[in-house]
Amino acid sequence: MLRAGFDTVEAGSFVSEKVIPQMADTSRVLQGLDVTGSRSRVMVLVVNKRGAMRAVRQGSEKCKPVPLNLEPGTRNMEQASIDDLLFPFSTSPTFLKRNLNASVDQAKATISDLLAVCDLYKKRLIVYLSMSFGNPYGDKWDPGIVEEYAGYLYEMGLRIIPLSDILGEVKPAVISEVYSRVIRSFPEVEFGFHLHSLPGHEYELIDAAWKAGVSRFDTVTGGFGGCPMAADKMVANLNTFALINYCEKNGIDHGLNVDLLREASVEMAMSIG
């Protein structure tokens, strides 16, 4: 993955091992990363200051952050540190409680803590907004609320804000409306798209986001995963190959090594069984 051409590779999460035991080996994964020749930034998800400190101290004595203007093929093993921290914020108070056991104010306080950690350790914080296209809990939602949350993050200094639908229920028209509004209001922000979708339903959703001005997409090779805290059933992450298919059909240069990704996809499928 680190040599496939991605801007950023999420390598794991520093979260409670009791709550998400699948992420318990993130430290070992990071220790085994070979970033030789990679231009990708390495990112991990954190949900509190404790997790952030564990992440930034991972190899921090010998490691340096990756420069934003890093040229391909210039990274070496001494630079195998964490570059970015990812925090899952939400426009839905109910989902924040389900996912983080936190209120909106508590989550905002955590964002402030994480920004301080990133400033001290020269890392970059990315905060995504889940339930940006609606929620199933009855919480108030409209595009103006998404704009309000995005404005708060903008004022805090965030310049990469992925908007997320993790239920797989968003419609293209809603995607267009939300992105058109926030991109117009905050042109300096790189708004990403974090999508969970059933196989075969992705094309029109990707198309709506792309035509609204989005060029940063979160994907998972093979489409594995999902969010166990969102609802009773998990919906798969956007498959990298679905995005590649969209790009190739529309003449968009995705910059990814497709052959390498196919090999990686086969290896992952075999390891999972």
Protein backbone atom coordinates (compact mmCIF):
# COMPACT_ATOMS: atom_id res chain seq x y z
CA MET A 1 0.00 0.00 0.00
CA LEU A 2 2.79 2.40 0.85
CA ARG A 3 4.24 1.97 -2.64
CA ALA A 4 0.95 2.02 -4.54
CA GLY A 5 0.75 5.81 -4.90
CA PHE A 6 -1.75 6.83 -2.22
CA ASP A 7 -1.51 10.29 -0.68
CA THR A 8 -2.15 8.83 2.78
CA VAL A 9 -2.28 5.29 4.17
CA GLU A 10 -4.20 4.62 7.39
CA ALA A 11 -2.17 2.01 9.26
CA GLY A 12 -4.34 1.37 12.30
CA SER A 13 -5.99 2.89 15.35
CA PHE A 14 -4.91 3.66 18.89
CA VAL A 15 -8.24 2.98 20.59
CA SER A 16 -9.44 0.85 23.49
CA GLU A 17 -8.43 -2.76 22.94
CA LYS A 18 -11.48 -3.84 24.93
CA VAL A 19 -13.86 -1.98 22.62
CA ILE A 20 -12.09 -2.64 19.29
CA PRO A 21 -9.81 -5.67 19.83
CA GLN A 22 -9.06 -5.85 16.09
CA MET A 23 -6.85 -2.77 16.47
CA ALA A 24 -4.82 -4.08 19.41
CA ASP A 25 -1.78 -4.83 17.24
CA THR A 26 -1.44 -1.37 15.66
CA SER A 27 1.92 -0.78 17.36
CA ARG A 28 3.30 -4.02 15.92
CA VAL A 29 1.97 -3.13 12.47
CA LEU A 30 3.73 0.23 12.59
CA GLN A 31 6.97 -1.34 13.77
CA GLY A 32 6.90 -3.62 10.75
CA LEU A 33 6.23 -0.97 8.12
CA ASP A 34 8.75 -0.64 5.32
CA VAL A 35 8.35 2.84 3.91
CA THR A 36 11.42 2.74 1.70
CA GLY A 37 10.70 4.70 -1.45
CA SER A 38 7.19 5.65 -0.37
CA ARG A 39 5.72 9.12 -0.77
CA SER A 40 2.60 8.28 1.24
CA ARG A 41 1.86 9.81 4.60
CA VAL A 42 1.16 7.34 7.43
CA MET A 43 -1.98 8.01 9.45
CA VAL A 44 -3.66 6.43 12.48
CA LEU A 45 -7.06 7.02 14.02
CA VAL A 46 -7.23 8.22 17.64
CA VAL A 47 -10.18 9.11 19.84
CA ASN A 48 -8.50 10.86 22.78
CA LYS A 49 -5.28 12.48 23.94
CA ARG A 50 -3.97 9.24 25.41
CA GLY A 51 -4.23 7.50 22.06
CA ALA A 52 -2.63 10.47 20.34
CA MET A 53 0.36 10.38 22.67
CA ARG A 54 0.79 6.66 22.05
CA ALA A 55 0.73 7.35 18.32
CA VAL A 56 3.16 10.25 18.16
CA ARG A 57 5.64 8.49 20.44
CA GLN A 58 5.69 5.49 18.13
CA GLY A 59 9.32 5.56 17.05
CA SER A 60 9.51 9.29 17.78
CA GLU A 61 13.10 9.21 19.06
CA LYS A 62 14.53 8.36 15.63
CA CYS A 63 11.70 9.30 13.31
CA LYS A 64 10.87 12.53 11.55
CA PRO A 65 7.54 13.63 10.03
CA VAL A 66 7.21 13.42 6.26
CA PRO A 67 7.52 16.84 4.58
CA LEU A 68 4.35 17.90 2.76
CA ASN A 69 6.35 18.36 -0.45
CA LEU A 70 8.13 15.00 -0.28
CA GLU A 71 9.32 13.79 -3.68
CA PRO A 72 8.62 10.16 -4.68
CA GLY A 73 11.34 7.71 -3.74
CA THR A 74 13.01 9.90 -1.13
CA ARG A 75 11.69 8.34 2.05
CA ASN A 76 13.81 5.89 4.06
CA MET A 77 13.43 3.63 7.07
CA GLU A 78 14.48 6.35 9.50
CA GLN A 79 11.29 8.23 8.59
CA ALA A 80 8.80 5.47 9.41
CA SER A 81 6.86 7.56 11.95
CA ILE A 82 3.25 8.64 12.15
CA ASP A 83 2.54 11.72 10.02
CA ASP A 84 -1.18 12.29 10.54
CA LEU A 85 -3.74 11.74 13.28
CA LEU A 86 -7.37 11.13 12.32
CA PHE A 87 -10.26 11.95 14.65
CA PRO A 88 -13.89 10.87 14.06
CA PHE A 89 -16.14 13.85 14.83
CA SER A 90 -19.83 13.85 13.91
CA THR A 91 -22.78 16.12 13.19
CA SER A 92 -24.92 13.65 15.18
CA PRO A 93 -24.79 13.89 18.98
CA THR A 94 -26.30 10.43 19.22
CA PHE A 95 -23.59 8.89 17.07
CA LEU A 96 -20.89 10.69 19.06
CA LYS A 97 -22.27 9.04 22.17
CA ARG A 98 -22.43 5.63 20.48
CA ASN A 99 -19.01 5.89 18.87
CA LEU A 100 -16.94 7.85 21.40
CA ASN A 101 -19.14 7.93 24.50
CA ALA A 102 -18.80 11.70 24.31
CA SER A 103 -20.96 14.79 23.98
CA VAL A 104 -20.37 17.41 21.29
CA ASP A 105 -18.59 19.67 23.79
CA GLN A 106 -16.41 16.79 25.00
CA ALA A 107 -15.48 15.91 21.42
CA LYS A 108 -14.58 19.54 20.73
CA ALA A 109 -12.36 19.53 23.82
CA THR A 110 -10.63 16.41 22.48
CA ILE A 111 -10.03 18.14 19.14
CA SER A 112 -8.33 20.99 21.02
CA ASP A 113 -6.15 18.47 22.87
CA LEU A 114 -5.21 16.72 19.63
CA LEU A 115 -4.30 20.00 17.94
CA ALA A 116 -1.98 20.77 20.83
CA VAL A 117 -0.34 17.34 20.51
CA CYS A 118 0.06 17.79 16.76
CA ASP A 119 1.58 21.21 17.21
CA LEU A 120 4.08 19.89 19.75
CA TYR A 121 5.07 16.82 17.73
CA LYS A 122 4.80 18.42 14.26
CA LYS A 123 1.98 16.18 13.06
CA ARG A 124 -1.10 16.94 11.01
CA LEU A 125 -4.63 16.48 12.34
CA ILE A 126 -7.45 15.41 10.05
CA VAL A 127 -10.99 15.47 11.45
CA TYR A 128 -13.80 13.83 9.55
CA LEU A 129 -17.49 14.51 10.01
CA SER A 130 -19.61 11.39 10.13
CA MET A 131 -23.37 11.58 9.53
CA SER A 132 -22.74 14.52 7.19
CA PHE A 133 -25.55 13.43 4.88
CA GLY A 134 -28.17 12.55 7.49
CA ASN A 135 -28.56 10.13 10.39
CA PRO A 136 -30.98 7.39 11.48
CA TYR A 137 -31.31 8.56 15.08
CA GLY A 138 -33.71 11.46 14.72
CA ASP A 139 -31.02 14.08 15.39
CA LYS A 140 -31.61 17.36 13.59
CA TRP A 141 -29.83 17.49 10.23
CA ASP A 142 -29.66 19.73 7.20
CA PRO A 143 -26.82 21.03 4.98
CA GLY A 144 -26.62 24.16 7.12
CA ILE A 145 -25.69 22.06 10.16
CA VAL A 146 -22.86 20.43 8.19
CA GLU A 147 -21.70 23.89 7.15
CA GLU A 148 -21.77 25.00 10.80
CA TYR A 149 -19.63 22.07 11.94
CA ALA A 150 -17.24 22.58 9.03
CA GLY A 151 -16.98 26.25 10.01
CA TYR A 152 -16.04 25.30 13.56
CA LEU A 153 -13.28 23.00 12.28
CA TYR A 154 -12.10 25.69 9.87
CA GLU A 155 -11.83 28.21 12.68
CA MET A 156 -9.81 25.65 14.66
CA GLY A 157 -7.31 25.51 11.80
CA LEU A 158 -8.35 22.27 10.08
CA ARG A 159 -7.84 22.27 6.32
CA ILE A 160 -8.65 18.64 5.47
CA ILE A 161 -12.20 17.63 6.40
CA PRO A 162 -13.62 14.39 4.99
CA LEU A 163 -17.42 14.17 5.09
CA SER A 164 -18.72 10.72 5.86
CA ASP A 165 -21.68 8.48 5.15
CA ILE A 166 -21.13 5.20 6.99
CA LEU A 167 -24.67 3.86 6.65
CA GLY A 168 -24.69 3.41 2.88
CA GLU A 169 -27.97 5.31 2.48
CA VAL A 170 -26.93 8.67 1.01
CA LYS A 171 -28.43 9.83 -2.30
CA PRO A 172 -26.49 11.61 -5.07
CA ALA A 173 -28.61 14.76 -4.83
CA VAL A 174 -27.80 15.13 -1.13
CA ILE A 175 -24.08 14.65 -1.83
CA SER A 176 -24.19 17.39 -4.45
CA GLU A 177 -26.10 19.77 -2.20
CA VAL A 178 -23.85 19.34 0.84
CA TYR A 179 -20.53 19.56 -0.99
CA SER A 180 -21.60 22.49 -3.15
CA ARG A 181 -22.47 24.39 -0.01
CA VAL A 182 -19.37 23.70 2.10
CA ILE A 183 -16.89 24.04 -0.78
CA ARG A 184 -18.41 27.41 -1.64
CA SER A 185 -18.23 28.55 1.99
CA PHE A 186 -14.70 27.25 2.71
CA PRO A 187 -12.70 27.19 -0.53
CA GLU A 188 -9.41 26.76 1.36
CA VAL A 189 -10.51 23.42 2.81
CA GLU A 190 -9.89 20.11 1.08
CA PHE A 191 -13.16 18.29 1.65
CA GLY A 192 -12.89 14.52 1.31
CA PHE A 193 -15.49 11.78 0.87
CA HIS A 194 -15.59 8.84 3.29
CA LEU A 195 -18.21 6.47 1.90
CA HIS A 196 -19.63 3.12 2.94
CA SER A 197 -21.64 1.50 0.17
CA LEU A 198 -23.01 -1.78 -1.06
CA PRO A 199 -21.09 -3.21 -4.03
CA GLY A 200 -22.49 -1.94 -7.31
CA HIS A 201 -24.00 1.23 -5.83
CA GLU A 202 -20.85 3.33 -5.67
CA TYR A 203 -20.59 4.83 -9.16
CA GLU A 204 -23.32 7.46 -8.96
CA LEU A 205 -22.22 8.47 -5.45
CA ILE A 206 -18.60 8.94 -6.51
CA ASP A 207 -19.84 10.82 -9.56
CA ALA A 208 -21.92 13.22 -7.48
CA ALA A 209 -18.99 13.99 -5.17
CA TRP A 210 -16.48 14.41 -8.01
CA LYS A 211 -18.75 16.75 -9.97
CA ALA A 212 -19.33 18.79 -6.81
CA GLY A 213 -15.58 19.40 -6.55
CA VAL A 214 -14.29 16.56 -4.37
CA SER A 215 -10.94 15.00 -5.29
CA ARG A 216 -10.00 13.30 -2.00
CA PHE A 217 -11.64 9.90 -1.50
CA ASP A 218 -11.16 7.42 1.35
CA THR A 219 -11.11 3.84 0.08
CA VAL A 220 -10.25 0.34 1.29
CA THR A 221 -8.68 -2.13 -1.11
CA GLY A 222 -11.18 -4.94 -1.34
CA GLY A 223 -13.84 -2.89 0.45
CA PHE A 224 -13.28 -4.65 3.76
CA GLY A 225 -14.45 -3.24 7.06
CA GLY A 226 -17.30 -1.06 8.23
CA CYS A 227 -18.31 0.83 11.36
CA PRO A 228 -19.56 -1.40 14.20
CA MET A 229 -20.90 1.60 16.14
CA ALA A 230 -23.13 3.07 13.43
CA ALA A 231 -26.01 0.62 13.24
CA ASP A 232 -26.95 -3.01 13.74
CA LYS A 233 -25.42 -4.01 10.38
CA MET A 234 -22.07 -2.88 9.01
CA VAL A 235 -21.85 -1.58 5.43
CA ALA A 236 -18.56 -2.07 3.61
CA ASN A 237 -16.10 0.72 2.95
CA LEU A 238 -15.75 2.13 -0.56
CA ASN A 239 -13.65 -0.32 -2.54
CA THR A 240 -10.50 1.20 -4.05
CA PHE A 241 -11.21 -0.63 -7.30
CA ALA A 242 -14.63 1.00 -7.56
CA LEU A 243 -12.95 4.40 -7.47
CA ILE A 244 -10.31 3.26 -9.98
CA ASN A 245 -13.09 2.01 -12.26
CA TYR A 246 -14.82 5.39 -12.06
CA CYS A 247 -11.60 7.27 -12.81
CA GLU A 248 -10.68 5.09 -15.77
CA LYS A 249 -14.17 5.34 -17.28
CA ASN A 250 -14.00 9.13 -17.06
CA GLY A 251 -10.39 9.68 -18.10
CA ILE A 252 -9.27 10.80 -14.64
CA ASP A 253 -5.64 10.17 -13.67
CA HIS A 254 -5.71 8.38 -10.32
CA GLY A 255 -1.93 7.85 -10.06
CA LEU A 256 -2.23 4.41 -8.46
CA ASN A 257 -0.30 1.25 -9.28
CA VAL A 258 -3.23 -1.03 -10.13
CA ASP A 259 -1.16 -4.19 -10.54
CA LEU A 260 0.38 -3.73 -7.11
CA LEU A 261 -3.05 -3.13 -5.59
CA ARG A 262 -4.41 -6.32 -7.17
CA GLU A 263 -1.56 -8.28 -5.63
CA ALA A 264 -2.20 -6.68 -2.25
CA SER A 265 -5.92 -7.38 -2.52
CA VAL A 266 -5.30 -11.09 -3.15
CA GLU A 267 -2.91 -11.27 -0.19
CA MET A 268 -5.44 -9.59 2.10
CA ALA A 269 -8.23 -11.88 1.01
CA MET A 270 -6.06 -14.94 1.62
CA SER A 271 -5.00 -13.70 5.07
CA ILE A 272 -8.59 -13.05 6.09
CA GLY A 273 -9.75 -16.36 4.70
